[in-house]
Amino acid sequence: MENTYKFKVAMTCSGKLEEVKNVDIDMENQLVTVVTSLSQDKIFETISKTGKKTEIVS
């Protein structure tokens, strides 16, 4: 089962996470949308490890 998650991330460049089907980055609104079979917590943890301010949007 695939899920779509949206995170607000302070960012200056984009990159793709391992095991992720699709990543949409909206630099203007500072949003990252992730389509993956991984849990929302796992994706949040991975993004947070970059040191960027991150919050779950949906």
PDB file of N, CA and C in Angstrom:
ATOM      1  N   MET A   1       0.836  -1.174   0.000  1.00  0.00           N
ATOM      2  CA  MET A   1       0.000   0.000   0.000  1.00  0.00           C
ATOM      3  C   MET A   1       0.887   1.245   0.000  1.00  0.00           C
ATOM      4  N   GLU A   2       0.621   2.166  -0.896  1.00  0.00           N
ATOM      5  CA  GLU A   2       1.372   3.416  -0.972  1.00  0.00           C
ATOM      6  C   GLU A   2       0.635   4.507  -0.215  1.00  0.00           C
ATOM      7  N   ASN A   3       1.395   5.382   0.398  1.00  0.00           N
ATOM      8  CA  ASN A   3       0.842   6.511   1.130  1.00  0.00           C
ATOM      9  C   ASN A   3       1.482   7.781   0.615  1.00  0.00           C
ATOM     10  N   THR A   4       0.776   8.883   0.737  1.00  0.00           N
ATOM     11  CA  THR A   4       1.315  10.186   0.377  1.00  0.00           C
ATOM     12  C   THR A   4       1.365  11.030   1.637  1.00  0.00           C
ATOM     13  N   TYR A   5       2.540  11.587   1.940  1.00  0.00           N
ATOM     14  CA  TYR A   5       2.739  12.417   3.120  1.00  0.00           C
ATOM     15  C   TYR A   5       3.262  13.775   2.699  1.00  0.00           C
ATOM     16  N   LYS A   6       2.904  14.802   3.448  1.00  0.00           N
ATOM     17  CA  LYS A   6       3.380  16.153   3.163  1.00  0.00           C
ATOM     18  C   LYS A   6       4.088  16.681   4.404  1.00  0.00           C
ATOM     19  N   PHE A   7       5.278  17.254   4.202  1.00  0.00           N
ATOM     20  CA  PHE A   7       6.080  17.804   5.289  1.00  0.00           C
ATOM     21  C   PHE A   7       6.498  19.222   4.943  1.00  0.00           C
ATOM     22  N   LYS A   8       6.516  20.099   5.926  1.00  0.00           N
ATOM     23  CA  LYS A   8       7.069  21.444   5.738  1.00  0.00           C
ATOM     24  C   LYS A   8       8.527  21.358   6.161  1.00  0.00           C
ATOM     25  N   VAL A   9       9.444  21.706   5.243  1.00  0.00           N
ATOM     26  CA  VAL A   9      10.874  21.543   5.477  1.00  0.00           C
ATOM     27  C   VAL A   9      11.603  22.818   5.068  1.00  0.00           C
ATOM     28  N   ALA A  10      12.403  23.368   5.974  1.00  0.00           N
ATOM     29  CA  ALA A  10      13.271  24.491   5.620  1.00  0.00           C
ATOM     30  C   ALA A  10      14.372  23.924   4.734  1.00  0.00           C
ATOM     31  N   MET A  11      14.497  24.412   3.489  1.00  0.00           N
ATOM     32  CA  MET A  11      15.447  23.803   2.557  1.00  0.00           C
ATOM     33  C   MET A  11      16.045  24.819   1.610  1.00  0.00           C
ATOM     34  N   THR A  12      17.196  24.431   1.057  1.00  0.00           N
ATOM     35  CA  THR A  12      17.865  25.255   0.056  1.00  0.00           C
ATOM     36  C   THR A  12      18.146  24.470  -1.213  1.00  0.00           C
ATOM     37  N   CYS A  13      18.069  23.144  -1.156  1.00  0.00           N
ATOM     38  CA  CYS A  13      18.259  22.316  -2.345  1.00  0.00           C
ATOM     39  C   CYS A  13      17.399  21.067  -2.207  1.00  0.00           C
ATOM     40  N   SER A  14      17.251  20.292  -3.299  1.00  0.00           N
ATOM     41  CA  SER A  14      16.393  19.113  -3.262  1.00  0.00           C
ATOM     42  C   SER A  14      17.207  17.844  -3.417  1.00  0.00           C
ATOM     43  N   GLY A  15      16.636  16.737  -2.988  1.00  0.00           N
ATOM     44  CA  GLY A  15      17.272  15.432  -3.114  1.00  0.00           C
ATOM     45  C   GLY A  15      16.226  14.352  -2.944  1.00  0.00           C
ATOM     46  N   LYS A  16      16.540  13.158  -3.374  1.00  0.00           N
ATOM     47  CA  LYS A  16      15.590  12.058  -3.293  1.00  0.00           C
ATOM     48  C   LYS A  16      16.030  11.078  -2.224  1.00  0.00           C
ATOM     49  N   LEU A  17      15.103  10.671  -1.358  1.00  0.00           N
ATOM     50  CA  LEU A  17      15.374   9.714  -0.303  1.00  0.00           C
ATOM     51  C   LEU A  17      15.326   8.297  -0.854  1.00  0.00           C
ATOM     52  N   GLU A  18      16.132   7.419  -0.270  1.00  0.00           N
ATOM     53  CA  GLU A  18      16.158   6.017  -0.668  1.00  0.00           C
ATOM     54  C   GLU A  18      14.799   5.374  -0.369  1.00  0.00           C
ATOM     55  N   GLU A  19      14.378   4.415  -1.209  1.00  0.00           N
ATOM     56  CA  GLU A  19      13.129   3.653  -1.055  1.00  0.00           C
ATOM     57  C   GLU A  19      11.878   4.520  -1.159  1.00  0.00           C
ATOM     58  N   VAL A  20      11.946   5.624  -1.852  1.00  0.00           N
ATOM     59  CA  VAL A  20      10.810   6.521  -2.021  1.00  0.00           C
ATOM     60  C   VAL A  20      10.399   6.493  -3.484  1.00  0.00           C
ATOM     61  N   LYS A  21       9.088   6.319  -3.728  1.00  0.00           N
ATOM     62  CA  LYS A  21       8.603   6.237  -5.102  1.00  0.00           C
ATOM     63  C   LYS A  21       8.593   7.603  -5.792  1.00  0.00           C
ATOM     64  N   ASN A  22       8.177   8.642  -5.059  1.00  0.00           N
ATOM     65  CA  ASN A  22       8.119   9.973  -5.661  1.00  0.00           C
ATOM     66  C   ASN A  22       8.286  11.041  -4.579  1.00  0.00           C
ATOM     67  N   VAL A  23       8.993  12.105  -4.932  1.00  0.00           N
ATOM     68  CA  VAL A  23       9.157  13.260  -4.048  1.00  0.00           C
ATOM     69  C   VAL A  23       8.835  14.506  -4.860  1.00  0.00           C
ATOM     70  N   ASP A  24       7.931  15.331  -4.346  1.00  0.00           N
ATOM     71  CA  ASP A  24       7.610  16.605  -4.983  1.00  0.00           C
ATOM     72  C   ASP A  24       8.065  17.706  -4.034  1.00  0.00           C
ATOM     73  N   ILE A  25       8.901  18.598  -4.526  1.00  0.00           N
ATOM     74  CA  ILE A  25       9.447  19.664  -3.694  1.00  0.00           C
ATOM     75  C   ILE A  25       8.922  21.004  -4.187  1.00  0.00           C
ATOM     76  N   ASP A  26       8.267  21.721  -3.285  1.00  0.00           N
ATOM     77  CA  ASP A  26       7.719  23.042  -3.561  1.00  0.00           C
ATOM     78  C   ASP A  26       8.570  24.049  -2.782  1.00  0.00           C
ATOM     79  N   MET A  27       9.607  24.577  -3.435  1.00  0.00           N
ATOM     80  CA  MET A  27      10.543  25.488  -2.773  1.00  0.00           C
ATOM     81  C   MET A  27       9.843  26.775  -2.313  1.00  0.00           C
ATOM     82  N   GLU A  28       8.929  27.298  -3.126  1.00  0.00           N
ATOM     83  CA  GLU A  28       8.246  28.551  -2.787  1.00  0.00           C
ATOM     84  C   GLU A  28       7.499  28.440  -1.456  1.00  0.00           C
ATOM     85  N   ASN A  29       6.796  27.319  -1.256  1.00  0.00           N
ATOM     86  CA  ASN A  29       6.020  27.119  -0.032  1.00  0.00           C
ATOM     87  C   ASN A  29       6.746  26.274   1.008  1.00  0.00           C
ATOM     88  N   GLN A  30       8.006  25.868   0.684  1.00  0.00           N
ATOM     89  CA  GLN A  30       8.831  25.077   1.603  1.00  0.00           C
ATOM     90  C   GLN A  30       8.138  23.776   2.004  1.00  0.00           C
ATOM     91  N   LEU A  31       7.563  23.058   1.004  1.00  0.00           N
ATOM     92  CA  LEU A  31       6.862  21.802   1.244  1.00  0.00           C
ATOM     93  C   LEU A  31       7.499  20.661   0.471  1.00  0.00           C
ATOM     94  N   VAL A  32       7.536  19.491   1.092  1.00  0.00           N
ATOM     95  CA  VAL A  32       7.998  18.264   0.449  1.00  0.00           C
ATOM     96  C   VAL A  32       6.861  17.258   0.548  1.00  0.00           C
ATOM     97  N   THR A  33       6.423  16.707  -0.592  1.00  0.00           N
ATOM     98  CA  THR A  33       5.403  15.666  -0.614  1.00  0.00           C
ATOM     99  C   THR A  33       6.082  14.368  -1.006  1.00  0.00           C
ATOM    100  N   VAL A  34       5.877  13.316  -0.207  1.00  0.00           N
ATOM    101  CA  VAL A  34       6.556  12.035  -0.394  1.00  0.00           C
ATOM    102  C   VAL A  34       5.525  10.941  -0.632  1.00  0.00           C
ATOM    103  N   VAL A  35       5.707  10.155  -1.707  1.00  0.00           N
ATOM    104  CA  VAL A  35       4.890   8.970  -1.968  1.00  0.00           C
ATOM    105  C   VAL A  35       5.773   7.764  -1.693  1.00  0.00           C
ATOM    106  N   THR A  36       5.365   6.924  -0.740  1.00  0.00           N
ATOM    107  CA  THR A  36       6.200   5.812  -0.300  1.00  0.00           C
ATOM    108  C   THR A  36       5.369   4.757   0.414  1.00  0.00           C
ATOM    109  N   SER A  37       5.926   3.572   0.546  1.00  0.00           N
ATOM    110  CA  SER A  37       5.302   2.526   1.353  1.00  0.00           C
ATOM    111  C   SER A  37       5.842   2.559   2.784  1.00  0.00           C
ATOM    112  N   LEU A  38       6.842   3.406   3.046  1.00  0.00           N
ATOM    113  CA  LEU A  38       7.406   3.551   4.386  1.00  0.00           C
ATOM    114  C   LEU A  38       6.449   4.345   5.275  1.00  0.00           C
ATOM    115  N   SER A  39       6.620   4.236   6.589  1.00  0.00           N
ATOM    116  CA  SER A  39       5.754   4.959   7.522  1.00  0.00           C
ATOM    117  C   SER A  39       6.075   6.454   7.521  1.00  0.00           C
ATOM    118  N   GLN A  40       5.075   7.236   7.899  1.00  0.00           N
ATOM    119  CA  GLN A  40       5.259   8.679   8.007  1.00  0.00           C
ATOM    120  C   GLN A  40       6.354   8.997   9.024  1.00  0.00           C
ATOM    121  N   ASP A  41       6.376   8.264  10.135  1.00  0.00           N
ATOM    122  CA  ASP A  41       7.405   8.481  11.157  1.00  0.00           C
ATOM    123  C   ASP A  41       8.810   8.260  10.610  1.00  0.00           C
ATOM    124  N   LYS A  42       8.995   7.224   9.781  1.00  0.00           N
ATOM    125  CA  LYS A  42      10.310   6.923   9.203  1.00  0.00           C
ATOM    126  C   LYS A  42      10.759   8.053   8.278  1.00  0.00           C
ATOM    127  N   ILE A  43       9.846   8.553   7.442  1.00  0.00           N
ATOM    128  CA  ILE A  43      10.188   9.645   6.527  1.00  0.00           C
ATOM    129  C   ILE A  43      10.492  10.912   7.328  1.00  0.00           C
ATOM    130  N   PHE A  44       9.671  11.211   8.336  1.00  0.00           N
ATOM    131  CA  PHE A  44       9.900  12.384   9.186  1.00  0.00           C
ATOM    132  C   PHE A  44      11.263  12.300   9.867  1.00  0.00           C
ATOM    133  N   GLU A  45      11.575  11.140  10.418  1.00  0.00           N
ATOM    134  CA  GLU A  45      12.867  10.924  11.089  1.00  0.00           C
ATOM    135  C   GLU A  45      14.032  11.146  10.124  1.00  0.00           C
ATOM    136  N   THR A  46      13.904  10.617   8.915  1.00  0.00           N
ATOM    137  CA  THR A  46      14.964  10.736   7.911  1.00  0.00           C
ATOM    138  C   THR A  46      15.185  12.192   7.515  1.00  0.00           C
ATOM    139  N   ILE A  47      14.096  12.922   7.272  1.00  0.00           N
ATOM    140  CA  ILE A  47      14.222  14.336   6.904  1.00  0.00           C
ATOM    141  C   ILE A  47      14.794  15.133   8.078  1.00  0.00           C
ATOM    142  N   SER A  48      14.326  14.851   9.285  1.00  0.00           N
ATOM    143  CA  SER A  48      14.786  15.575  10.475  1.00  0.00           C
ATOM    144  C   SER A  48      16.282  15.413  10.703  1.00  0.00           C
ATOM    145  N   LYS A  49      16.828  14.265  10.331  1.00  0.00           N
ATOM    146  CA  LYS A  49      18.260  14.003  10.508  1.00  0.00           C
ATOM    147  C   LYS A  49      19.132  14.942   9.676  1.00  0.00           C
ATOM    148  N   THR A  50      18.542  15.619   8.692  1.00  0.00           N
ATOM    149  CA  THR A  50      19.307  16.570   7.880  1.00  0.00           C
ATOM    150  C   THR A  50      19.602  17.846   8.660  1.00  0.00           C
ATOM    151  N   GLY A  51      18.929  18.015   9.806  1.00  0.00           N
ATOM    152  CA  GLY A  51      19.118  19.216  10.604  1.00  0.00           C
ATOM    153  C   GLY A  51      18.202  20.360  10.205  1.00  0.00           C
ATOM    154  N   LYS A  52      17.376  20.131   9.188  1.00  0.00           N
ATOM    155  CA  LYS A  52      16.442  21.164   8.743  1.00  0.00           C
ATOM    156  C   LYS A  52      15.201  21.148   9.626  1.00  0.00           C
ATOM    157  N   LYS A  53      14.631  22.328   9.897  1.00  0.00           N
ATOM    158  CA  LYS A  53      13.381  22.412  10.645  1.00  0.00           C
ATOM    159  C   LYS A  53      12.314  21.689   9.831  1.00  0.00           C
ATOM    160  N   THR A  54      11.650  20.722  10.457  1.00  0.00           N
ATOM    161  CA  THR A  54      10.677  19.880   9.759  1.00  0.00           C
ATOM    162  C   THR A  54       9.425  19.729  10.609  1.00  0.00           C
ATOM    163  N   GLU A  55       8.263  19.821   9.982  1.00  0.00           N
ATOM    164  CA  GLU A  55       7.008  19.553  10.685  1.00  0.00           C
ATOM    165  C   GLU A  55       6.084  18.776   9.761  1.00  0.00           C
ATOM    166  N   ILE A  56       5.266  17.902  10.341  1.00  0.00           N
ATOM    167  CA  ILE A  56       4.313  17.113   9.563  1.00  0.00           C
ATOM    168  C   ILE A  56       3.116  17.994   9.228  1.00  0.00           C
ATOM    169  N   VAL A  57       2.754  18.039   7.942  1.00  0.00           N
ATOM    170  CA  VAL A  57       1.608  18.818   7.479  1.00  0.00           C
ATOM    171  C   VAL A  57       0.396  17.911   7.297  1.00  0.00           C
ATOM    172  N   SER A  58       0.593  16.755   6.677  1.00  0.00           N
ATOM    173  CA  SER A  58      -0.495  15.781   6.501  1.00  0.00           C
ATOM    174  C   SER A  58       0.068  14.411   6.229  1.00  0.00           C
TER     175      SER A  58
END
